């Protein structure tokens, strides 16, 4: 019983970790895109 609980808990942590990594990677792409837009706007206003 205890071993089954530990296995299920470990699997849950792995799934949560994977989804967190994807979320952070997506946020990083959004920030990078916003930075590129600001950079383009700054260069076009020169």
PDB file of N, CA and C in Angstrom:
ATOM      1  N   UNK A   1       0.833  -1.197   0.000  1.00  0.00           N
ATOM      2  CA  UNK A   1       0.000   0.000   0.000  1.00  0.00           C
ATOM      3  C   UNK A   1       0.874   1.256   0.000  1.00  0.00           C
ATOM      4  N   UNK A   2       1.871   1.293   0.876  1.00  0.00           N
ATOM      5  CA  UNK A   2       2.755   2.458   0.993  1.00  0.00           C
ATOM      6  C   UNK A   2       3.562   2.650  -0.287  1.00  0.00           C
ATOM      7  N   UNK A   3       4.042   1.541  -0.862  1.00  0.00           N
ATOM      8  CA  UNK A   3       4.832   1.615  -2.094  1.00  0.00           C
ATOM      9  C   UNK A   3       3.979   2.154  -3.242  1.00  0.00           C
ATOM     10  N   UNK A   4       2.728   1.753  -3.304  1.00  0.00           N
ATOM     11  CA  UNK A   4       1.827   2.227  -4.356  1.00  0.00           C
ATOM     12  C   UNK A   4       1.580   3.732  -4.208  1.00  0.00           C
ATOM     13  N   UNK A   5       1.428   4.193  -2.985  1.00  0.00           N
ATOM     14  CA  UNK A   5       1.228   5.622  -2.725  1.00  0.00           C
ATOM     15  C   UNK A   5       2.449   6.430  -3.159  1.00  0.00           C
ATOM     16  N   UNK A   6       3.636   5.953  -2.801  1.00  0.00           N
ATOM     17  CA  UNK A   6       4.875   6.651  -3.170  1.00  0.00           C
ATOM     18  C   UNK A   6       5.016   6.696  -4.693  1.00  0.00           C
ATOM     19  N   UNK A   7       4.712   5.608  -5.370  1.00  0.00           N
ATOM     20  CA  UNK A   7       4.805   5.565  -6.831  1.00  0.00           C
ATOM     21  C   UNK A   7       3.831   6.548  -7.464  1.00  0.00           C
ATOM     22  N   UNK A   8       2.602   6.578  -6.987  1.00  0.00           N
ATOM     23  CA  UNK A   8       1.605   7.505  -7.529  1.00  0.00           C
ATOM     24  C   UNK A   8       2.005   8.952  -7.254  1.00  0.00           C
ATOM     25  N   UNK A   9       2.527   9.216  -6.081  1.00  0.00           N
ATOM     26  CA  UNK A   9       2.951  10.570  -5.728  1.00  0.00           C
ATOM     27  C   UNK A   9       4.124  11.012  -6.597  1.00  0.00           C
ATOM     28  N   UNK A  10       5.070  10.122  -6.844  1.00  0.00           N
ATOM     29  CA  UNK A  10       6.219  10.443  -7.695  1.00  0.00           C
ATOM     30  C   UNK A  10       5.761  10.733  -9.122  1.00  0.00           C
ATOM     31  N   UNK A  11       4.815   9.950  -9.623  1.00  0.00           N
ATOM     32  CA  UNK A  11       4.290  10.184 -10.971  1.00  0.00           C
ATOM     33  C   UNK A  11       3.587  11.535 -11.044  1.00  0.00           C
ATOM     34  N   UNK A  12       2.843  11.879 -10.021  1.00  0.00           N
ATOM     35  CA  UNK A  12       2.157  13.166  -9.978  1.00  0.00           C
ATOM     36  C   UNK A  12       3.161  14.319  -9.977  1.00  0.00           C
ATOM     37  N   UNK A  13       4.227  14.190  -9.217  1.00  0.00           N
ATOM     38  CA  UNK A  13       5.262  15.229  -9.192  1.00  0.00           C
ATOM     39  C   UNK A  13       5.937  15.381 -10.553  1.00  0.00           C
ATOM     40  N   UNK A  14       6.177  14.272 -11.229  1.00  0.00           N
ATOM     41  CA  UNK A  14       6.813  14.339 -12.551  1.00  0.00           C
ATOM     42  C   UNK A  14       5.905  15.044 -13.552  1.00  0.00           C
ATOM     43  N   UNK A  15       4.628  14.725 -13.537  1.00  0.00           N
ATOM     44  CA  UNK A  15       3.683  15.377 -14.450  1.00  0.00           C
ATOM     45  C   UNK A  15       3.597  16.870 -14.145  1.00  0.00           C
ATOM     46  N   UNK A  16       3.541  17.223 -12.884  1.00  0.00           N
ATOM     47  CA  UNK A  16       3.488  18.637 -12.500  1.00  0.00           C
ATOM     48  C   UNK A  16       4.762  19.355 -12.925  1.00  0.00           C
ATOM     49  N   UNK A  17       5.892  18.711 -12.772  1.00  0.00           N
ATOM     50  CA  UNK A  17       7.159  19.314 -13.175  1.00  0.00           C
ATOM     51  C   UNK A  17       7.242  19.545 -14.667  1.00  0.00           C
ATOM     52  N   UNK A  18       6.778  18.580 -15.440  1.00  0.00           N
ATOM     53  CA  UNK A  18       6.804  18.721 -16.898  1.00  0.00           C
ATOM     54  C   UNK A  18       5.888  19.849 -17.343  1.00  0.00           C
ATOM     55  N   UNK A  19       4.705  19.934 -16.772  1.00  0.00           N
ATOM     56  CA  UNK A  19       3.786  21.004 -17.175  1.00  0.00           C
ATOM     57  C   UNK A  19       4.313  22.364 -16.744  1.00  0.00           C
ATOM     58  N   UNK A  20       4.985  22.438 -15.613  1.00  0.00           N
ATOM     59  CA  UNK A  20       5.563  23.708 -15.169  1.00  0.00           C
ATOM     60  C   UNK A  20       6.665  24.154 -16.117  1.00  0.00           C
ATOM     61  N   UNK A  21       7.473  23.218 -16.587  1.00  0.00           N
ATOM     62  CA  UNK A  21       8.546  23.567 -17.527  1.00  0.00           C
ATOM     63  C   UNK A  21       7.961  24.121 -18.817  1.00  0.00           C
ATOM     64  N   UNK A  22       6.902  23.502 -19.317  1.00  0.00           N
ATOM     65  CA  UNK A  22       6.279  23.989 -20.547  1.00  0.00           C
ATOM     66  C   UNK A  22       5.671  25.368 -20.343  1.00  0.00           C
ATOM     67  N   UNK A  23       5.097  25.613 -19.195  1.00  0.00           N
ATOM     68  CA  UNK A  23       4.502  26.914 -18.908  1.00  0.00           C
ATOM     69  C   UNK A  23       5.569  27.997 -18.854  1.00  0.00           C
ATOM     70  N   UNK A  24       6.667  27.713 -18.194  1.00  0.00           N
ATOM     71  CA  UNK A  24       7.751  28.692 -18.086  1.00  0.00           C
ATOM     72  C   UNK A  24       8.391  28.933 -19.439  1.00  0.00           C
ATOM     73  N   UNK A  25       8.544  27.881 -20.245  1.00  0.00           N
ATOM     74  CA  UNK A  25       9.113  28.049 -21.584  1.00  0.00           C
ATOM     75  C   UNK A  25       8.204  28.924 -22.438  1.00  0.00           C
ATOM     76  N   UNK A  26       6.905  28.734 -22.339  1.00  0.00           N
ATOM     77  CA  UNK A  26       5.956  29.561 -23.089  1.00  0.00           C
ATOM     78  C   UNK A  26       6.002  31.008 -22.649  1.00  0.00           C
ATOM     79  N   UNK A  27       6.127  31.232 -21.358  1.00  0.00           N
ATOM     80  CA  UNK A  27       6.224  32.604 -20.851  1.00  0.00           C
ATOM     81  C   UNK A  27       7.505  33.258 -21.348  1.00  0.00           C
ATOM     82  N   UNK A  28       8.582  32.511 -21.398  1.00  0.00           N
ATOM     83  CA  UNK A  28       9.840  33.045 -21.909  1.00  0.00           C
ATOM     84  C   UNK A  28       9.736  33.444 -23.364  1.00  0.00           C
ATOM     85  N   UNK A  29       9.030  32.650 -24.151  1.00  0.00           N
ATOM     86  CA  UNK A  29       8.832  32.989 -25.562  1.00  0.00           C
ATOM     87  C   UNK A  29       7.991  34.256 -25.700  1.00  0.00           C
ATOM     88  N   UNK A  30       6.979  34.410 -24.856  1.00  0.00           N
ATOM     89  CA  UNK A  30       6.142  35.610 -24.896  1.00  0.00           C
ATOM     90  C   UNK A  30       6.947  36.856 -24.552  1.00  0.00           C
ATOM     91  N   UNK A  31       7.790  36.758 -23.535  1.00  0.00           N
ATOM     92  CA  UNK A  31       8.617  37.900 -23.133  1.00  0.00           C
ATOM     93  C   UNK A  31       9.609  38.238 -24.240  1.00  0.00           C
ATOM     94  N   UNK A  32      10.184  37.221 -24.854  1.00  0.00           N
ATOM     95  CA  UNK A  32      11.127  37.452 -25.945  1.00  0.00           C
ATOM     96  C   UNK A  32      10.437  38.135 -27.123  1.00  0.00           C
ATOM     97  N   UNK A  33       9.236  37.703 -27.439  1.00  0.00           N
ATOM     98  CA  UNK A  33       8.473  38.311 -28.528  1.00  0.00           C
ATOM     99  C   UNK A  33       8.157  39.772 -28.228  1.00  0.00           C
ATOM    100  N   UNK A  34       7.779  40.057 -26.997  1.00  0.00           N
ATOM    101  CA  UNK A  34       7.496  41.443 -26.612  1.00  0.00           C
ATOM    102  C   UNK A  34       8.757  42.290 -26.708  1.00  0.00           C
ATOM    103  N   UNK A  35       9.888  41.752 -26.293  1.00  0.00           N
ATOM    104  CA  UNK A  35      11.152  42.471 -26.382  1.00  0.00           C
ATOM    105  C   UNK A  35      11.536  42.758 -27.822  1.00  0.00           C
ATOM    106  N   UNK A  36      11.302  41.787 -28.701  1.00  0.00           N
ATOM    107  CA  UNK A  36      11.586  41.996 -30.123  1.00  0.00           C
ATOM    108  C   UNK A  36      10.710  43.103 -30.697  1.00  0.00           C
ATOM    109  N   UNK A  37       9.452  43.140 -30.292  1.00  0.00           N
ATOM    110  CA  UNK A  37       8.539  44.179 -30.773  1.00  0.00           C
ATOM    111  C   UNK A  37       8.988  45.562 -30.315  1.00  0.00           C
ATOM    112  N   UNK A  38       9.404  45.675 -29.069  1.00  0.00           N
ATOM    113  CA  UNK A  38       9.886  46.955 -28.545  1.00  0.00           C
ATOM    114  C   UNK A  38      11.156  47.374 -29.283  1.00  0.00           C
ATOM    115  N   UNK A  39      12.040  46.427 -29.515  1.00  0.00           N
ATOM    116  CA  UNK A  39      13.280  46.722 -30.229  1.00  0.00           C
ATOM    117  C   UNK A  39      12.994  47.198 -31.652  1.00  0.00           C
ATOM    118  N   UNK A  40      12.072  46.529 -32.337  1.00  0.00           N
ATOM    119  CA  UNK A  40      11.710  46.937 -33.698  1.00  0.00           C
ATOM    120  C   UNK A  40      11.108  48.340 -33.711  1.00  0.00           C
ATOM    121  N   UNK A  41      10.245  48.625 -32.743  1.00  0.00           N
ATOM    122  CA  UNK A  41       9.622  49.948 -32.670  1.00  0.00           C
ATOM    123  C   UNK A  41      10.668  51.023 -32.393  1.00  0.00           C
ATOM    124  N   UNK A  42      11.633  50.723 -31.538  1.00  0.00           N
ATOM    125  CA  UNK A  42      12.677  51.695 -31.215  1.00  0.00           C
ATOM    126  C   UNK A  42      13.563  51.966 -32.429  1.00  0.00           C
ATOM    127  N   UNK A  43      13.872  50.935 -33.184  1.00  0.00           N
ATOM    128  CA  UNK A  43      14.726  51.115 -34.356  1.00  0.00           C
ATOM    129  C   UNK A  43      13.998  51.845 -35.480  1.00  0.00           C
ATOM    130  N   UNK A  44      12.700  51.625 -35.603  1.00  0.00           N
ATOM    131  CA  UNK A  44      11.955  52.290 -36.676  1.00  0.00           C
ATOM    132  C   UNK A  44      11.689  53.761 -36.365  1.00  0.00           C
ATOM    133  N   UNK A  45      11.812  54.161 -35.098  1.00  0.00           N
ATOM    134  CA  UNK A  45      11.568  55.561 -34.738  1.00  0.00           C
ATOM    135  C   UNK A  45      12.841  56.404 -34.777  1.00  0.00           C
ATOM    136  N   UNK A  46      13.962  55.813 -35.154  1.00  0.00           N
ATOM    137  CA  UNK A  46      15.228  56.560 -35.229  1.00  0.00           C
ATOM    138  C   UNK A  46      15.204  57.550 -36.361  1.00  0.00           C
TER     139      UNK A  46
END
